Structures are given as C-alpha cells and as structure tokens.
C-alpha cells in the first residue's frame, strides 16, 4: 500500500477492525518512511451486479448512487451520516443476498423508500416525489395521507 503522503510503498498495519456488520475491514497503517498514519478500507469484491433501469438499460450497480439519493432526501434533516451509510450497507447486503446478477431499479427504490418511511417522514416524501415523479400537489397529498393516518394522535399536531 502506497503512503498517501510520501508515496512510498513501505508501511505496517497497527490496527484492524471489522465495520458495517463485518462487510468492511478498516486498517490503520503507519508509513515506515515518513511515520504518518492513514486508514484503508477493504471490501469483498462482489460479482458484477447490473441494475435494470425502467427503460430497460442495464448499468453496473453503484452503492454511491443510493447514498447520494439518501443524502439529498435527508438534506437539512436530523439524520446522521452514519445512519445513511448503515442504510446503504443494509440495502447493498440485501441486494447481494437476494439477487443473482440483475436487480430492477424499482426494487432498489422501494427498499430505500421503506427505510426512509421508518426513519424520517419528510425525507421519505422528498425521495418519493423524485422517485415516483410527482406531477402536481395531489401526488403529494396521496403520498402524505397514509403517513398522517399512521401517525399517533400525540405526534399528529404540534403547537
């Protein structure tokens, strides 16, 4: 592993930890030459998974696209970055467990919406408005209606 500071290929691992339910290994390293520390992450290389888009195109699965959608939906909401990353990891793990070589984009979108609905109703509606391509206010009303009926009486009105 080349040091990101001095570019020498001479380091040693000083700490190793499994993170994200064991799907990633984090290694703390120290460069023998410049003595600076840096962190690397190892992820199991999965078989190439393709996402089947609504128009029939097939594109490589990219977890960063799920993260970007979640981050946009949760923008200015009280949702921690670690929570978003955990959701991305859970969705990715579920996809690799249940799918063979292709997954419909609709399936991924529904998985994201399911988790957002539990996490933050505002983020859920934001994501749904883009994902389901809302055309007018009635689309919002149709999506928010079930959320309001699910809310408990004590949380449904704020004063």
C-alpha atoms as a PDB file:
ATOM      1  CA  UNK A   1       0.000   0.000   0.000  1.00  0.00           C
ATOM      2  CA  UNK A   2       1.499   3.345  -1.020  1.00  0.00           C
ATOM      3  CA  UNK A   3       1.568   6.087   1.582  1.00  0.00           C
ATOM      4  CA  UNK A   4      -0.771   8.911   0.508  1.00  0.00           C
ATOM      5  CA  UNK A   5       1.743  11.467   1.833  1.00  0.00           C
ATOM      6  CA  UNK A   6       5.204  10.397   0.640  1.00  0.00           C
ATOM      7  CA  UNK A   7       4.082   7.779  -1.943  1.00  0.00           C
ATOM      8  CA  UNK A   8       6.475   5.156  -0.543  1.00  0.00           C
ATOM      9  CA  UNK A   9       5.363   1.540  -0.530  1.00  0.00           C
ATOM     10  CA  UNK A  10       6.553   0.697   2.965  1.00  0.00           C
ATOM     11  CA  UNK A  11       4.005   0.637   5.793  1.00  0.00           C
ATOM     12  CA  UNK A  12       2.765  -1.538   8.596  1.00  0.00           C
ATOM     13  CA  UNK A  13      -0.708  -2.214   9.932  1.00  0.00           C
ATOM     14  CA  UNK A  14      -1.169  -1.014  13.508  1.00  0.00           C
ATOM     15  CA  UNK A  15      -4.906  -1.707  13.962  1.00  0.00           C
ATOM     16  CA  UNK A  16      -7.586  -3.752  12.193  1.00  0.00           C
ATOM     17  CA  UNK A  17     -11.332  -3.645  12.786  1.00  0.00           C
ATOM     18  CA  UNK A  18     -14.413  -5.046  11.090  1.00  0.00           C
ATOM     19  CA  UNK A  19     -17.084  -2.439  10.424  1.00  0.00           C
ATOM     20  CA  UNK A  20     -20.559  -2.318   8.874  1.00  0.00           C
ATOM     21  CA  UNK A  21     -21.603  -5.737  10.104  1.00  0.00           C
ATOM     22  CA  UNK A  22     -18.283  -7.273   9.047  1.00  0.00           C
ATOM     23  CA  UNK A  23     -18.619  -6.344   5.385  1.00  0.00           C
ATOM     24  CA  UNK A  24     -15.664  -3.942   5.523  1.00  0.00           C
ATOM     25  CA  UNK A  25     -12.256  -4.200   7.180  1.00  0.00           C
ATOM     26  CA  UNK A  26     -10.724  -0.935   8.382  1.00  0.00           C
ATOM     27  CA  UNK A  27      -6.945  -0.917   8.731  1.00  0.00           C
ATOM     28  CA  UNK A  28      -4.927   1.801  10.449  1.00  0.00           C
ATOM     29  CA  UNK A  29      -1.453   1.979   8.930  1.00  0.00           C
ATOM     30  CA  UNK A  30       1.748   3.859   9.619  1.00  0.00           C
ATOM     31  CA  UNK A  31       4.292   4.668   6.925  1.00  0.00           C
ATOM     32  CA  UNK A  32       7.759   3.412   7.860  1.00  0.00           C
ATOM     33  CA  UNK A  33       9.415   6.209   5.849  1.00  0.00           C
ATOM     34  CA  UNK A  34       7.536   9.398   6.861  1.00  0.00           C
ATOM     35  CA  UNK A  35       5.879   7.952  10.008  1.00  0.00           C
ATOM     36  CA  UNK A  36       2.456   9.421   9.142  1.00  0.00           C
ATOM     37  CA  UNK A  37      -0.698   7.417   9.762  1.00  0.00           C
ATOM     38  CA  UNK A  38      -3.505   6.685   7.328  1.00  0.00           C
ATOM     39  CA  UNK A  39      -6.556   4.455   7.074  1.00  0.00           C
ATOM     40  CA  UNK A  40      -7.507   1.969   4.378  1.00  0.00           C
ATOM     41  CA  UNK A  41     -10.724   0.024   3.871  1.00  0.00           C
ATOM     42  CA  UNK A  42     -11.129  -3.435   2.364  1.00  0.00           C
ATOM     43  CA  UNK A  43     -14.419  -4.608   0.927  1.00  0.00           C
ATOM     44  CA  UNK A  44     -15.161  -8.022  -0.529  1.00  0.00           C
ATOM     45  CA  UNK A  45     -15.320  -7.797  -4.279  1.00  0.00           C
ATOM     46  CA  UNK A  46     -18.777  -8.918  -5.263  1.00  0.00           C
ATOM     47  CA  UNK A  47     -19.767 -10.457  -8.558  1.00  0.00           C
ATOM     48  CA  UNK A  48     -20.729  -7.759 -11.042  1.00  0.00           C
ATOM     49  CA  UNK A  49     -24.342  -6.833 -10.417  1.00  0.00           C
ATOM     50  CA  UNK A  50     -26.376  -4.982 -13.021  1.00  0.00           C
ATOM     51  CA  UNK A  51     -29.277  -2.656 -12.316  1.00  0.00           C
ATOM     52  CA  UNK A  52     -32.120  -2.867 -14.815  1.00  0.00           C
ATOM     53  CA  UNK A  53     -33.466   0.662 -15.297  1.00  0.00           C
ATOM     54  CA  UNK A  54     -37.112   1.461 -16.062  1.00  0.00           C
ATOM     55  CA  UNK A  55     -36.239   1.983 -19.743  1.00  0.00           C
ATOM     56  CA  UNK A  56     -34.564  -1.450 -19.952  1.00  0.00           C
ATOM     57  CA  UNK A  57     -30.939  -0.258 -19.866  1.00  0.00           C
ATOM     58  CA  UNK A  58     -28.548  -2.247 -17.720  1.00  0.00           C
ATOM     59  CA  UNK A  59     -25.943  -0.334 -15.728  1.00  0.00           C
ATOM     60  CA  UNK A  60     -23.417  -1.506 -13.116  1.00  0.00           C
ATOM     61  CA  UNK A  61     -24.638  -1.401  -9.525  1.00  0.00           C
ATOM     62  CA  UNK A  62     -23.156   1.578  -7.694  1.00  0.00           C
ATOM     63  CA  UNK A  63     -23.815   1.959  -3.977  1.00  0.00           C
ATOM     64  CA  UNK A  64     -22.801   5.626  -4.147  1.00  0.00           C
ATOM     65  CA  UNK A  65     -25.955   6.340  -6.155  1.00  0.00           C
ATOM     66  CA  UNK A  66     -28.097   5.032  -3.287  1.00  0.00           C
ATOM     67  CA  UNK A  67     -26.070   7.121  -0.833  1.00  0.00           C
ATOM     68  CA  UNK A  68     -26.461  10.250  -2.996  1.00  0.00           C
ATOM     69  CA  UNK A  69     -30.242   9.790  -3.155  1.00  0.00           C
ATOM     70  CA  UNK A  70     -30.467   9.303   0.603  1.00  0.00           C
ATOM     71  CA  UNK A  71     -28.238  12.296   1.300  1.00  0.00           C
ATOM     72  CA  UNK A  72     -30.344  14.519  -0.929  1.00  0.00           C
ATOM     73  CA  UNK A  73     -33.589  13.343   0.687  1.00  0.00           C
ATOM     74  CA  UNK A  74     -32.149  13.800   4.195  1.00  0.00           C
ATOM     75  CA  UNK A  75     -30.586  17.188   3.497  1.00  0.00           C
ATOM     76  CA  UNK A  76     -31.250  19.565   6.434  1.00  0.00           C
ATOM     77  CA  UNK A  77     -32.943  16.766   8.354  1.00  0.00           C
ATOM     78  CA  UNK A  78     -31.746  15.342  11.696  1.00  0.00           C
ATOM     79  CA  UNK A  79     -30.256  12.220  10.111  1.00  0.00           C
ATOM     80  CA  UNK A  80     -26.629  11.320  10.849  1.00  0.00           C
ATOM     81  CA  UNK A  81     -24.217  10.420   8.069  1.00  0.00           C
ATOM     82  CA  UNK A  82     -23.557   7.112   9.849  1.00  0.00           C
ATOM     83  CA  UNK A  83     -27.267   6.302   9.661  1.00  0.00           C
ATOM     84  CA  UNK A  84     -27.293   6.946   5.916  1.00  0.00           C
ATOM     85  CA  UNK A  85     -24.200   4.790   5.433  1.00  0.00           C
ATOM     86  CA  UNK A  86     -25.760   1.997   7.510  1.00  0.00           C
ATOM     87  CA  UNK A  87     -28.903   2.079   5.349  1.00  0.00           C
ATOM     88  CA  UNK A  88     -26.804   1.921   2.173  1.00  0.00           C
ATOM     89  CA  UNK A  89     -24.883  -1.063   3.538  1.00  0.00           C
ATOM     90  CA  UNK A  90     -28.072  -2.890   4.586  1.00  0.00           C
ATOM     91  CA  UNK A  91     -29.646  -2.328   1.172  1.00  0.00           C
ATOM     92  CA  UNK A  92     -26.483  -3.440  -0.613  1.00  0.00           C
ATOM     93  CA  UNK A  93     -26.197  -6.572   1.523  1.00  0.00           C
ATOM     94  CA  UNK A  94     -29.858  -7.420   0.956  1.00  0.00           C
ATOM     95  CA  UNK A  95     -29.487  -6.969  -2.801  1.00  0.00           C
ATOM     96  CA  UNK A  96     -26.467  -9.278  -2.954  1.00  0.00           C
ATOM     97  CA  UNK A  97     -28.238 -11.875  -0.783  1.00  0.00           C
ATOM     98  CA  UNK A  98     -31.458 -11.937  -2.768  1.00  0.00           C
ATOM     99  CA  UNK A  99     -30.461 -11.156  -6.346  1.00  0.00           C
ATOM    100  CA  UNK A 100     -28.373 -13.143  -8.782  1.00  0.00           C
ATOM    101  CA  UNK A 101     -26.832 -10.889 -11.429  1.00  0.00           C
ATOM    102  CA  UNK A 102     -29.558  -8.307 -12.086  1.00  0.00           C
ATOM    103  CA  UNK A 103     -31.787  -6.191  -9.877  1.00  0.00           C
ATOM    104  CA  UNK A 104     -34.597  -3.930 -11.082  1.00  0.00           C
ATOM    105  CA  UNK A 105     -34.090  -0.269 -10.153  1.00  0.00           C
ATOM    106  CA  UNK A 106     -37.703  -0.275  -8.966  1.00  0.00           C
ATOM    107  CA  UNK A 107     -36.775  -2.858  -6.325  1.00  0.00           C
ATOM    108  CA  UNK A 108     -33.898  -0.673  -5.061  1.00  0.00           C
ATOM    109  CA  UNK A 109     -36.137   2.401  -4.964  1.00  0.00           C
ATOM    110  CA  UNK A 110     -38.764   0.572  -2.928  1.00  0.00           C
ATOM    111  CA  UNK A 111     -36.112  -0.650  -0.469  1.00  0.00           C
ATOM    112  CA  UNK A 112     -34.902   2.937   0.014  1.00  0.00           C
ATOM    113  CA  UNK A 113     -38.447   4.250   0.455  1.00  0.00           C
ATOM    114  CA  UNK A 114     -39.277   1.565   3.013  1.00  0.00           C
ATOM    115  CA  UNK A 115     -36.316   2.555   5.173  1.00  0.00           C
ATOM    116  CA  UNK A 116     -36.863   6.300   4.748  1.00  0.00           C
ATOM    117  CA  UNK A 117     -40.508   5.948   5.743  1.00  0.00           C
ATOM    118  CA  UNK A 118     -39.395   4.454   9.063  1.00  0.00           C
ATOM    119  CA  UNK A 119     -36.527   6.921   9.507  1.00  0.00           C
ATOM    120  CA  UNK A 120     -37.892  10.351   8.601  1.00  0.00           C
ATOM    121  CA  UNK A 121     -41.278  11.140   7.004  1.00  0.00           C
ATOM    122  CA  UNK A 122     -40.062  14.381   5.412  1.00  0.00           C
ATOM    123  CA  UNK A 123     -37.067  12.663   3.812  1.00  0.00           C
ATOM    124  CA  UNK A 124     -39.419   9.891   2.680  1.00  0.00           C
ATOM    125  CA  UNK A 125     -41.742  12.337   0.898  1.00  0.00           C
ATOM    126  CA  UNK A 126     -38.779  14.138  -0.672  1.00  0.00           C
ATOM    127  CA  UNK A 127     -37.397  10.890  -2.042  1.00  0.00           C
ATOM    128  CA  UNK A 128     -40.828   9.676  -3.160  1.00  0.00           C
ATOM    129  CA  UNK A 129     -41.501  12.935  -5.016  1.00  0.00           C
ATOM    130  CA  UNK A 130     -38.436  12.402  -7.196  1.00  0.00           C
ATOM    131  CA  UNK A 131     -38.588   8.615  -7.393  1.00  0.00           C
ATOM    132  CA  UNK A 132     -42.278   8.495  -8.287  1.00  0.00           C
ATOM    133  CA  UNK A 133     -42.029  11.650 -10.417  1.00  0.00           C
ATOM    134  CA  UNK A 134     -44.808  13.653  -8.760  1.00  0.00           C
ATOM    135  CA  UNK A 135     -46.571  15.887 -11.280  1.00  0.00           C
ATOM    136  CA  UNK A 136     -48.719  18.065  -9.011  1.00  0.00           C
ATOM    137  CA  UNK A 137     -49.813  18.700  -5.419  1.00  0.00           C
ATOM    138  CA  UNK A 138     -52.359  15.881  -5.482  1.00  0.00           C
ATOM    139  CA  UNK A 139     -49.486  13.398  -5.829  1.00  0.00           C
ATOM    140  CA  UNK A 140     -48.020  14.774  -2.590  1.00  0.00           C
ATOM    141  CA  UNK A 141     -51.398  14.535  -0.845  1.00  0.00           C
ATOM    142  CA  UNK A 142     -51.771  10.918  -1.967  1.00  0.00           C
ATOM    143  CA  UNK A 143     -48.328  10.054  -0.542  1.00  0.00           C
ATOM    144  CA  UNK A 144     -48.644  12.027   2.714  1.00  0.00           C
ATOM    145  CA  UNK A 145     -52.180  10.790   3.514  1.00  0.00           C
ATOM    146  CA  UNK A 146     -51.090   7.339   4.722  1.00  0.00           C
ATOM    147  CA  UNK A 147     -48.251   8.903   6.718  1.00  0.00           C
ATOM    148  CA  UNK A 148     -50.696  11.123   8.581  1.00  0.00           C
ATOM    149  CA  UNK A 149     -53.066   8.250   9.302  1.00  0.00           C
ATOM    150  CA  UNK A 150     -50.128   6.182  10.636  1.00  0.00           C
ATOM    151  CA  UNK A 151     -49.035   8.975  12.996  1.00  0.00           C
ATOM    152  CA  UNK A 152     -50.154   8.711  16.578  1.00  0.00           C
ATOM    153  CA  UNK A 153     -52.565  11.405  17.847  1.00  0.00           C
ATOM    154  CA  UNK A 154     -49.939  12.932  20.141  1.00  0.00           C
ATOM    155  CA  UNK A 155     -47.490  13.432  17.230  1.00  0.00           C
ATOM    156  CA  UNK A 156     -50.002  14.444  14.589  1.00  0.00           C
ATOM    157  CA  UNK A 157     -50.390  18.041  15.836  1.00  0.00           C
ATOM    158  CA  UNK A 158     -47.724  20.359  17.098  1.00  0.00           C
ATOM    159  CA  UNK A 159     -48.492  23.543  18.959  1.00  0.00           C
END
